[in-house]
Amino acid sequence: MEWTDKMIRNSWDSFQVMYENRYAVFGIGLTGIILCLVGAILMRKGKLKGLWIWLAGEWIPLFLNLAIIGTGMFQGWQLAGLLIPVVFTALYYSHKKYLA
């Protein structure tokens, strides 16, 4: 039970920091969503530039949130927030040869 108490306490601290910086976190998230959407549309059209825009939209918000919130955002189930970009980056990058 000690590890769950520590995990909840660390998560609570990161949620408090997120709440204090809610407007910055919201702006970063919205910018990332827009970049990912534009990049996906361009990749759908077969343009290589779309991959780089999508990568920027996927990874830059992650690092900016890491700078604001700290490493507490990668505790427990929140670690899935890092696993998803890694998997999709590997999948999209493996299909880079089909983009012009």
PDB file of N, CA and C in Angstrom:
ATOM      1  N   MET A   1       0.801  -1.196   0.000  1.00  0.00           N
ATOM      2  CA  MET A   1       0.000   0.000   0.000  1.00  0.00           C
ATOM      3  C   MET A   1       0.849   1.267   0.000  1.00  0.00           C
ATOM      4  N   GLU A   2       2.101   1.150   0.372  1.00  0.00           N
ATOM      5  CA  GLU A   2       2.956   2.333   0.393  1.00  0.00           C
ATOM      6  C   GLU A   2       3.205   2.870  -1.010  1.00  0.00           C
ATOM      7  N   TRP A   3       3.375   1.980  -1.983  1.00  0.00           N
ATOM      8  CA  TRP A   3       3.649   2.432  -3.346  1.00  0.00           C
ATOM      9  C   TRP A   3       2.437   3.122  -3.945  1.00  0.00           C
ATOM     10  N   THR A   4       1.222   2.683  -3.608  1.00  0.00           N
ATOM     11  CA  THR A   4       0.034   3.371  -4.126  1.00  0.00           C
ATOM     12  C   THR A   4      -0.107   4.747  -3.492  1.00  0.00           C
ATOM     13  N   ASP A   5       0.208   4.841  -2.214  1.00  0.00           N
ATOM     14  CA  ASP A   5       0.140   6.134  -1.546  1.00  0.00           C
ATOM     15  C   ASP A   5       1.132   7.110  -2.163  1.00  0.00           C
ATOM     16  N   LYS A   6       2.335   6.635  -2.464  1.00  0.00           N
ATOM     17  CA  LYS A   6       3.350   7.478  -3.083  1.00  0.00           C
ATOM     18  C   LYS A   6       2.934   7.881  -4.494  1.00  0.00           C
ATOM     19  N   MET A   7       2.353   6.940  -5.252  1.00  0.00           N
ATOM     20  CA  MET A   7       1.924   7.230  -6.610  1.00  0.00           C
ATOM     21  C   MET A   7       0.803   8.270  -6.616  1.00  0.00           C
ATOM     22  N   ILE A   8      -0.152   8.139  -5.704  1.00  0.00           N
ATOM     23  CA  ILE A   8      -1.257   9.091  -5.627  1.00  0.00           C
ATOM     24  C   ILE A   8      -0.746  10.449  -5.196  1.00  0.00           C
ATOM     25  N   ARG A   9       0.159  10.480  -4.262  1.00  0.00           N
ATOM     26  CA  ARG A   9       0.711  11.752  -3.801  1.00  0.00           C
ATOM     27  C   ARG A   9       1.476  12.451  -4.919  1.00  0.00           C
ATOM     28  N   ASN A  10       2.269  11.714  -5.697  1.00  0.00           N
ATOM     29  CA  ASN A  10       2.999  12.308  -6.823  1.00  0.00           C
ATOM     30  C   ASN A  10       2.040  12.771  -7.915  1.00  0.00           C
ATOM     31  N   SER A  11       0.996  11.990  -8.172  1.00  0.00           N
ATOM     32  CA  SER A  11       0.012  12.383  -9.172  1.00  0.00           C
ATOM     33  C   SER A  11      -0.714  13.645  -8.727  1.00  0.00           C
ATOM     34  N   TRP A  12      -1.048  13.737  -7.450  1.00  0.00           N
ATOM     35  CA  TRP A  12      -1.743  14.908  -6.941  1.00  0.00           C
ATOM     36  C   TRP A  12      -0.889  16.161  -7.097  1.00  0.00           C
ATOM     37  N   ASP A  13       0.403  16.034  -6.852  1.00  0.00           N
ATOM     38  CA  ASP A  13       1.292  17.181  -7.019  1.00  0.00           C
ATOM     39  C   ASP A  13       1.330  17.629  -8.478  1.00  0.00           C
ATOM     40  N   SER A  14       1.412  16.675  -9.399  1.00  0.00           N
ATOM     41  CA  SER A  14       1.456  17.054 -10.821  1.00  0.00           C
ATOM     42  C   SER A  14       0.120  17.642 -11.262  1.00  0.00           C
ATOM     43  N   PHE A  15      -0.997  17.160 -10.714  1.00  0.00           N
ATOM     44  CA  PHE A  15      -2.301  17.740 -11.057  1.00  0.00           C
ATOM     45  C   PHE A  15      -2.431  19.160 -10.528  1.00  0.00           C
ATOM     46  N   GLN A  16      -1.858  19.428  -9.381  1.00  0.00           N
ATOM     47  CA  GLN A  16      -1.887  20.789  -8.853  1.00  0.00           C
ATOM     48  C   GLN A  16      -1.076  21.737  -9.734  1.00  0.00           C
ATOM     49  N   VAL A  17       0.083  21.290 -10.200  1.00  0.00           N
ATOM     50  CA  VAL A  17       0.895  22.118 -11.086  1.00  0.00           C
ATOM     51  C   VAL A  17       0.165  22.329 -12.414  1.00  0.00           C
ATOM     52  N   MET A  18      -0.490  21.279 -12.915  1.00  0.00           N
ATOM     53  CA  MET A  18      -1.259  21.427 -14.142  1.00  0.00           C
ATOM     54  C   MET A  18      -2.390  22.432 -13.968  1.00  0.00           C
ATOM     55  N   TYR A  19      -3.053  22.412 -12.822  1.00  0.00           N
ATOM     56  CA  TYR A  19      -4.139  23.346 -12.584  1.00  0.00           C
ATOM     57  C   TYR A  19      -3.627  24.778 -12.475  1.00  0.00           C
ATOM     58  N   GLU A  20      -2.496  24.961 -11.840  1.00  0.00           N
ATOM     59  CA  GLU A  20      -1.928  26.301 -11.716  1.00  0.00           C
ATOM     60  C   GLU A  20      -1.516  26.863 -13.077  1.00  0.00           C
ATOM     61  N   ASN A  21      -1.134  26.003 -13.984  1.00  0.00           N
ATOM     62  CA  ASN A  21      -0.711  26.411 -15.328  1.00  0.00           C
ATOM     63  C   ASN A  21      -1.712  25.948 -16.383  1.00  0.00           C
ATOM     64  N   ARG A  22      -2.978  25.940 -16.048  1.00  0.00           N
ATOM     65  CA  ARG A  22      -4.002  25.347 -16.916  1.00  0.00           C
ATOM     66  C   ARG A  22      -4.103  26.038 -18.266  1.00  0.00           C
ATOM     67  N   TYR A  23      -3.914  27.349 -18.330  1.00  0.00           N
ATOM     68  CA  TYR A  23      -4.029  28.046 -19.606  1.00  0.00           C
ATOM     69  C   TYR A  23      -2.846  27.728 -20.523  1.00  0.00           C
ATOM     70  N   ALA A  24      -1.662  27.631 -19.956  1.00  0.00           N
ATOM     71  CA  ALA A  24      -0.487  27.269 -20.759  1.00  0.00           C
ATOM     72  C   ALA A  24      -0.596  25.824 -21.244  1.00  0.00           C
ATOM     73  N   VAL A  25      -1.024  24.923 -20.366  1.00  0.00           N
ATOM     74  CA  VAL A  25      -1.167  23.512 -20.745  1.00  0.00           C
ATOM     75  C   VAL A  25      -2.244  23.364 -21.809  1.00  0.00           C
ATOM     76  N   PHE A  26      -3.349  24.120 -21.675  1.00  0.00           N
ATOM     77  CA  PHE A  26      -4.417  24.070 -22.677  1.00  0.00           C
ATOM     78  C   PHE A  26      -3.924  24.590 -24.019  1.00  0.00           C
ATOM     79  N   GLY A  27      -3.195  25.701 -24.015  1.00  0.00           N
ATOM     80  CA  GLY A  27      -2.670  26.256 -25.262  1.00  0.00           C
ATOM     81  C   GLY A  27      -1.679  25.323 -25.935  1.00  0.00           C
ATOM     82  N   ILE A  28      -0.826  24.708 -25.145  1.00  0.00           N
ATOM     83  CA  ILE A  28       0.143  23.758 -25.696  1.00  0.00           C
ATOM     84  C   ILE A  28      -0.576  22.558 -26.298  1.00  0.00           C
ATOM     85  N   GLY A  29      -1.583  22.054 -25.597  1.00  0.00           N
ATOM     86  CA  GLY A  29      -2.341  20.910 -26.099  1.00  0.00           C
ATOM     87  C   GLY A  29      -3.101  21.231 -27.375  1.00  0.00           C
ATOM     88  N   LEU A  30      -3.724  22.408 -27.422  1.00  0.00           N
ATOM     89  CA  LEU A  30      -4.472  22.811 -28.607  1.00  0.00           C
ATOM     90  C   LEU A  30      -3.546  23.004 -29.806  1.00  0.00           C
ATOM     91  N   THR A  31      -2.388  23.591 -29.575  1.00  0.00           N
ATOM     92  CA  THR A  31      -1.409  23.755 -30.648  1.00  0.00           C
ATOM     93  C   THR A  31      -0.934  22.394 -31.161  1.00  0.00           C
ATOM     94  N   GLY A  32      -0.694  21.458 -30.245  1.00  0.00           N
ATOM     95  CA  GLY A  32      -0.282  20.117 -30.646  1.00  0.00           C
ATOM     96  C   GLY A  32      -1.349  19.405 -31.454  1.00  0.00           C
ATOM     97  N   ILE A  33      -2.610  19.564 -31.061  1.00  0.00           N
ATOM     98  CA  ILE A  33      -3.709  18.930 -31.802  1.00  0.00           C
ATOM     99  C   ILE A  33      -3.797  19.488 -33.212  1.00  0.00           C
ATOM    100  N   ILE A  34      -3.688  20.810 -33.341  1.00  0.00           N
ATOM    101  CA  ILE A  34      -3.772  21.432 -34.659  1.00  0.00           C
ATOM    102  C   ILE A  34      -2.610  20.989 -35.546  1.00  0.00           C
ATOM    103  N   LEU A  35      -1.399  20.971 -35.001  1.00  0.00           N
ATOM    104  CA  LEU A  35      -0.237  20.529 -35.786  1.00  0.00           C
ATOM    105  C   LEU A  35      -0.382  19.065 -36.217  1.00  0.00           C
ATOM    106  N   CYS A  36      -0.852  18.209 -35.320  1.00  0.00           N
ATOM    107  CA  CYS A  36      -1.029  16.794 -35.664  1.00  0.00           C
ATOM    108  C   CYS A  36      -2.093  16.620 -36.740  1.00  0.00           C
ATOM    109  N   LEU A  37      -3.162  17.378 -36.642  1.00  0.00           N
ATOM    110  CA  LEU A  37      -4.237  17.282 -37.629  1.00  0.00           C
ATOM    111  C   LEU A  37      -3.768  17.749 -39.001  1.00  0.00           C
ATOM    112  N   VAL A  38      -3.079  18.881 -39.053  1.00  0.00           N
ATOM    113  CA  VAL A  38      -2.557  19.383 -40.325  1.00  0.00           C
ATOM    114  C   VAL A  38      -1.538  18.408 -40.898  1.00  0.00           C
ATOM    115  N   GLY A  39      -0.664  17.884 -40.051  1.00  0.00           N
ATOM    116  CA  GLY A  39       0.326  16.909 -40.517  1.00  0.00           C
ATOM    117  C   GLY A  39      -0.313  15.639 -41.036  1.00  0.00           C
ATOM    118  N   ALA A  40      -1.353  15.167 -40.367  1.00  0.00           N
ATOM    119  CA  ALA A  40      -2.035  13.950 -40.829  1.00  0.00           C
ATOM    120  C   ALA A  40      -2.730  14.184 -42.168  1.00  0.00           C
ATOM    121  N   ILE A  41      -3.314  15.366 -42.337  1.00  0.00           N
ATOM    122  CA  ILE A  41      -3.960  15.676 -43.615  1.00  0.00           C
ATOM    123  C   ILE A  41      -2.927  15.723 -44.735  1.00  0.00           C
ATOM    124  N   LEU A  42      -1.789  16.353 -44.464  1.00  0.00           N
ATOM    125  CA  LEU A  42      -0.737  16.410 -45.485  1.00  0.00           C
ATOM    126  C   LEU A  42      -0.158  15.026 -45.776  1.00  0.00           C
ATOM    127  N   MET A  43      -0.013  14.186 -44.756  1.00  0.00           N
ATOM    128  CA  MET A  43       0.471  12.822 -45.001  1.00  0.00           C
ATOM    129  C   MET A  43      -0.544  12.038 -45.822  1.00  0.00           C
ATOM    130  N   ARG A  44      -1.819  12.285 -45.576  1.00  0.00           N
ATOM    131  CA  ARG A  44      -2.872  11.612 -46.348  1.00  0.00           C
ATOM    132  C   ARG A  44      -2.780  11.980 -47.824  1.00  0.00           C
ATOM    133  N   LYS A  45      -2.336  13.222 -48.083  1.00  0.00           N
ATOM    134  CA  LYS A  45      -2.142  13.670 -49.458  1.00  0.00           C
ATOM    135  C   LYS A  45      -0.821  13.180 -50.034  1.00  0.00           C
ATOM    136  N   GLY A  46       0.000  12.517 -49.227  1.00  0.00           N
ATOM    137  CA  GLY A  46       1.253  11.935 -49.695  1.00  0.00           C
ATOM    138  C   GLY A  46       2.447  12.856 -49.590  1.00  0.00           C
ATOM    139  N   LYS A  47       2.375  13.877 -48.774  1.00  0.00           N
ATOM    140  CA  LYS A  47       3.473  14.832 -48.645  1.00  0.00           C
ATOM    141  C   LYS A  47       4.332  14.496 -47.427  1.00  0.00           C
ATOM    142  N   LEU A  48       5.643  14.501 -47.631  1.00  0.00           N
ATOM    143  CA  LEU A  48       6.586  14.193 -46.556  1.00  0.00           C
ATOM    144  C   LEU A  48       6.597  15.285 -45.487  1.00  0.00           C
ATOM    145  N   LYS A  49       6.312  16.517 -45.899  1.00  0.00           N
ATOM    146  CA  LYS A  49       6.281  17.624 -44.947  1.00  0.00           C
ATOM    147  C   LYS A  49       5.253  17.352 -43.838  1.00  0.00           C
ATOM    148  N   GLY A  50       4.205  16.626 -44.154  1.00  0.00           N
ATOM    149  CA  GLY A  50       3.185  16.287 -43.167  1.00  0.00           C
ATOM    150  C   GLY A  50       3.739  15.457 -42.020  1.00  0.00           C
ATOM    151  N   LEU A  51       4.694  14.578 -42.316  1.00  0.00           N
ATOM    152  CA  LEU A  51       5.305  13.764 -41.264  1.00  0.00           C
ATOM    153  C   LEU A  51       6.036  14.643 -40.268  1.00  0.00           C
ATOM    154  N   TRP A  52       6.775  15.624 -40.761  1.00  0.00           N
ATOM    155  CA  TRP A  52       7.554  16.479 -39.869  1.00  0.00           C
ATOM    156  C   TRP A  52       6.640  17.398 -39.060  1.00  0.00           C
ATOM    157  N   ILE A  53       5.551  17.864 -39.675  1.00  0.00           N
ATOM    158  CA  ILE A  53       4.594  18.683 -38.932  1.00  0.00           C
ATOM    159  C   ILE A  53       3.907  17.839 -37.865  1.00  0.00           C
ATOM    160  N   TRP A  54       3.555  16.614 -38.224  1.00  0.00           N
ATOM    161  CA  TRP A  54       2.910  15.730 -37.252  1.00  0.00           C
ATOM    162  C   TRP A  54       3.869  15.424 -36.094  1.00  0.00           C
ATOM    163  N   LEU A  55       5.139  15.157 -36.404  1.00  0.00           N
ATOM    164  CA  LEU A  55       6.121  14.890 -35.344  1.00  0.00           C
ATOM    165  C   LEU A  55       6.272  16.086 -34.413  1.00  0.00           C
ATOM    166  N   ALA A  56       6.259  17.285 -34.970  1.00  0.00           N
ATOM    167  CA  ALA A  56       6.341  18.487 -34.134  1.00  0.00           C
ATOM    168  C   ALA A  56       5.112  18.582 -33.239  1.00  0.00           C
ATOM    169  N   GLY A  57       3.952  18.304 -33.792  1.00  0.00           N
ATOM    170  CA  GLY A  57       2.729  18.369 -33.008  1.00  0.00           C
ATOM    171  C   GLY A  57       2.628  17.282 -31.959  1.00  0.00           C
ATOM    172  N   GLU A  58       3.327  16.204 -32.151  1.00  0.00           N
ATOM    173  CA  GLU A  58       3.272  15.091 -31.200  1.00  0.00           C
ATOM    174  C   GLU A  58       4.301  15.239 -30.083  1.00  0.00           C
ATOM    175  N   TRP A  59       5.512  15.674 -30.407  1.00  0.00           N
ATOM    176  CA  TRP A  59       6.595  15.653 -29.431  1.00  0.00           C
ATOM    177  C   TRP A  59       6.855  16.984 -28.740  1.00  0.00           C
ATOM    178  N   ILE A  60       6.687  18.104 -29.434  1.00  0.00           N
ATOM    179  CA  ILE A  60       6.947  19.408 -28.803  1.00  0.00           C
ATOM    180  C   ILE A  60       6.034  19.640 -27.601  1.00  0.00           C
ATOM    181  N   PRO A  61       4.711  19.388 -27.711  1.00  0.00           N
ATOM    182  CA  PRO A  61       3.876  19.558 -26.511  1.00  0.00           C
ATOM    183  C   PRO A  61       4.269  18.641 -25.357  1.00  0.00           C
ATOM    184  N   LEU A  62       4.742  17.459 -25.683  1.00  0.00           N
ATOM    185  CA  LEU A  62       5.157  16.538 -24.634  1.00  0.00           C
ATOM    186  C   LEU A  62       6.342  17.110 -23.852  1.00  0.00           C
ATOM    187  N   PHE A  63       7.318  17.657 -24.571  1.00  0.00           N
ATOM    188  CA  PHE A  63       8.489  18.223 -23.902  1.00  0.00           C
ATOM    189  C   PHE A  63       8.159  19.539 -23.193  1.00  0.00           C
ATOM    190  N   LEU A  64       7.275  20.353 -23.770  1.00  0.00           N
ATOM    191  CA  LEU A  64       6.889  21.590 -23.101  1.00  0.00           C
ATOM    192  C   LEU A  64       6.113  21.298 -21.815  1.00  0.00           C
ATOM    193  N   ASN A  65       5.213  20.322 -21.863  1.00  0.00           N
ATOM    194  CA  ASN A  65       4.500  19.934 -20.643  1.00  0.00           C
ATOM    195  C   ASN A  65       5.450  19.333 -19.617  1.00  0.00           C
ATOM    196  N   LEU A  66       6.443  18.615 -20.085  1.00  0.00           N
ATOM    197  CA  LEU A  66       7.455  18.078 -19.172  1.00  0.00           C
ATOM    198  C   LEU A  66       8.213  19.208 -18.480  1.00  0.00           C
ATOM    199  N   ALA A  67       8.483  20.290 -19.223  1.00  0.00           N
ATOM    200  CA  ALA A  67       9.179  21.431 -18.634  1.00  0.00           C
ATOM    201  C   ALA A  67       8.298  22.149 -17.618  1.00  0.00           C
ATOM    202  N   ILE A  68       6.997  22.204 -17.869  1.00  0.00           N
ATOM    203  CA  ILE A  68       6.092  22.905 -16.958  1.00  0.00           C
ATOM    204  C   ILE A  68       5.739  22.040 -15.756  1.00  0.00           C
ATOM    205  N   ILE A  69       5.322  20.813 -16.007  1.00  0.00           N
ATOM    206  CA  ILE A  69       4.795  19.945 -14.950  1.00  0.00           C
ATOM    207  C   ILE A  69       5.901  19.204 -14.222  1.00  0.00           C
ATOM    208  N   GLY A  70       6.905  18.773 -14.954  1.00  0.00           N
ATOM    209  CA  GLY A  70       7.990  18.004 -14.360  1.00  0.00           C
ATOM    210  C   GLY A  70       7.811  16.516 -14.612  1.00  0.00           C
ATOM    211  N   THR A  71       8.670  15.732 -14.027  1.00  0.00           N
ATOM    212  CA  THR A  71       8.645  14.286 -14.265  1.00  0.00           C
ATOM    213  C   THR A  71       7.493  13.591 -13.564  1.00  0.00           C
ATOM    214  N   GLY A  72       6.757  14.300 -12.735  1.00  0.00           N
ATOM    215  CA  GLY A  72       5.596  13.706 -12.078  1.00  0.00           C
ATOM    216  C   GLY A  72       4.512  13.301 -13.046  1.00  0.00           C
ATOM    217  N   MET A  73       4.577  13.837 -14.275  1.00  0.00           N
ATOM    218  CA  MET A  73       3.562  13.484 -15.264  1.00  0.00           C
ATOM    219  C   MET A  73       3.795  12.096 -15.857  1.00  0.00           C
ATOM    220  N   PHE A  74       4.908  11.465 -15.546  1.00  0.00           N
ATOM    221  CA  PHE A  74       5.191  10.125 -16.041  1.00  0.00           C
ATOM    222  C   PHE A  74       5.151   9.096 -14.925  1.00  0.00           C
ATOM    223  N   GLN A  75       4.198   9.196 -14.048  1.00  0.00           N
ATOM    224  CA  GLN A  75       4.057   8.265 -12.931  1.00  0.00           C
ATOM    225  C   GLN A  75       2.788   7.441 -13.130  1.00  0.00           C
ATOM    226  N   GLY A  76       2.880   6.187 -12.894  1.00  0.00           N
ATOM    227  CA  GLY A  76       1.702   5.329 -12.940  1.00  0.00           C
ATOM    228  C   GLY A  76       1.108   5.210 -14.331  1.00  0.00           C
ATOM    229  N   TRP A  77      -0.200   5.352 -14.408  1.00  0.00           N
ATOM    230  CA  TRP A  77      -0.918   5.199 -15.672  1.00  0.00           C
ATOM    231  C   TRP A  77      -0.636   6.337 -16.634  1.00  0.00           C
ATOM    232  N   GLN A  78      -0.117   7.441 -16.141  1.00  0.00           N
ATOM    233  CA  GLN A  78       0.188   8.559 -17.011  1.00  0.00           C
ATOM    234  C   GLN A  78       1.379   8.261 -17.916  1.00  0.00           C
ATOM    235  N   LEU A  79       2.055   7.170 -17.656  1.00  0.00           N
ATOM    236  CA  LEU A  79       3.169   6.744 -18.502  1.00  0.00           C
ATOM    237  C   LEU A  79       2.681   6.369 -19.894  1.00  0.00           C
ATOM    238  N   ALA A  80       1.403   6.012 -20.038  1.00  0.00           N
ATOM    239  CA  ALA A  80       0.838   5.700 -21.349  1.00  0.00           C
ATOM    240  C   ALA A  80       0.880   6.921 -22.259  1.00  0.00           C
ATOM    241  N   GLY A  81       0.915   8.115 -21.679  1.00  0.00           N
ATOM    242  CA  GLY A  81       1.038   9.325 -22.473  1.00  0.00           C
ATOM    243  C   GLY A  81       2.362   9.419 -23.206  1.00  0.00           C
ATOM    244  N   LEU A  82       3.338   8.664 -22.790  1.00  0.00           N
ATOM    245  CA  LEU A  82       4.619   8.605 -23.480  1.00  0.00           C
ATOM    246  C   LEU A  82       4.682   7.408 -24.427  1.00  0.00           C
ATOM    247  N   LEU A  83       3.999   6.348 -24.098  1.00  0.00           N
ATOM    248  CA  LEU A  83       4.030   5.145 -24.916  1.00  0.00           C
ATOM    249  C   LEU A  83       3.338   5.358 -26.262  1.00  0.00           C
ATOM    250  N   ILE A  84       2.238   6.068 -26.275  1.00  0.00           N
ATOM    251  CA  ILE A  84       1.477   6.284 -27.512  1.00  0.00           C
ATOM    252  C   ILE A  84       2.285   7.064 -28.550  1.00  0.00           C
ATOM    253  N   PRO A  85       2.930   8.197 -28.206  1.00  0.00           N
ATOM    254  CA  PRO A  85       3.747   8.877 -29.224  1.00  0.00           C
ATOM    255  C   PRO A  85       4.904   8.031 -29.748  1.00  0.00           C
ATOM    256  N   VAL A  86       5.496   7.223 -28.895  1.00  0.00           N
ATOM    257  CA  VAL A  86       6.605   6.369 -29.342  1.00  0.00           C
ATOM    258  C   VAL A  86       6.115   5.356 -30.370  1.00  0.00           C
ATOM    259  N   VAL A  87       4.986   4.731 -30.107  1.00  0.00           N
ATOM    260  CA  VAL A  87       4.447   3.718 -31.029  1.00  0.00           C
ATOM    261  C   VAL A  87       4.055   4.353 -32.357  1.00  0.00           C
ATOM    262  N   PHE A  88       3.325   5.464 -32.315  1.00  0.00           N
ATOM    263  CA  PHE A  88       2.885   6.095 -33.555  1.00  0.00           C
ATOM    264  C   PHE A  88       4.044   6.691 -34.340  1.00  0.00           C
ATOM    265  N   THR A  89       5.050   7.194 -33.664  1.00  0.00           N
ATOM    266  CA  THR A  89       6.227   7.702 -34.365  1.00  0.00           C
ATOM    267  C   THR A  89       6.928   6.567 -35.107  1.00  0.00           C
ATOM    268  N   ALA A  90       7.060   5.437 -34.464  1.00  0.00           N
ATOM    269  CA  ALA A  90       7.688   4.283 -35.129  1.00  0.00           C
ATOM    270  C   ALA A  90       6.865   3.819 -36.327  1.00  0.00           C
ATOM    271  N   LEU A  91       5.544   3.795 -36.170  1.00  0.00           N
ATOM    272  CA  LEU A  91       4.684   3.361 -37.277  1.00  0.00           C
ATOM    273  C   LEU A  91       4.737   4.331 -38.447  1.00  0.00           C
ATOM    274  N   TYR A  92       4.594   5.622 -38.175  1.00  0.00           N
ATOM    275  CA  TYR A  92       4.619   6.596 -39.254  1.00  0.00           C
ATOM    276  C   TYR A  92       5.996   6.687 -39.898  1.00  0.00           C
ATOM    277  N   TYR A  93       7.042   6.617 -39.101  1.00  0.00           N
ATOM    278  CA  TYR A  93       8.380   6.728 -39.652  1.00  0.00           C
ATOM    279  C   TYR A  93       8.734   5.513 -40.508  1.00  0.00           C
ATOM    280  N   SER A  94       8.190   4.361 -40.186  1.00  0.00           N
ATOM    281  CA  SER A  94       8.452   3.166 -41.006  1.00  0.00           C
ATOM    282  C   SER A  94       7.780   3.268 -42.372  1.00  0.00           C
ATOM    283  N   HIS A  95       6.745   4.083 -42.496  1.00  0.00           N
ATOM    284  CA  HIS A  95       6.049   4.262 -43.774  1.00  0.00           C
ATOM    285  C   HIS A  95       6.462   5.563 -44.481  1.00  0.00           C
ATOM    286  N   LYS A  96       7.576   6.123 -44.057  1.00  0.00           N
ATOM    287  CA  LYS A  96       8.070   7.375 -44.631  1.00  0.00           C
ATOM    288  C   LYS A  96       8.397   7.225 -46.116  1.00  0.00           C
ATOM    289  N   LYS A  97       8.763   6.020 -46.541  1.00  0.00           N
ATOM    290  CA  LYS A  97       9.169   5.824 -47.924  1.00  0.00           C
ATOM    291  C   LYS A  97       8.011   6.005 -48.915  1.00  0.00           C
ATOM    292  N   TYR A  98       6.761   5.958 -48.425  1.00  0.00           N
ATOM    293  CA  TYR A  98       5.612   6.140 -49.298  1.00  0.00           C
ATOM    294  C   TYR A  98       5.217   7.597 -49.475  1.00  0.00           C
ATOM    295  N   LEU A  99       5.890   8.485 -48.755  1.00  0.00           N
ATOM    296  CA  LEU A  99       5.589   9.914 -48.854  1.00  0.00           C
ATOM    297  C   LEU A  99       6.575  10.591 -49.786  1.00  0.00           C
ATOM    298  N   ALA A 100       6.072  11.530 -50.568  1.00  0.00           N
ATOM    299  CA  ALA A 100       6.939  12.223 -51.532  1.00  0.00           C
ATOM    300  C   ALA A 100       7.436  13.523 -50.969  1.00  0.00           C
TER     301      ALA A 100
END
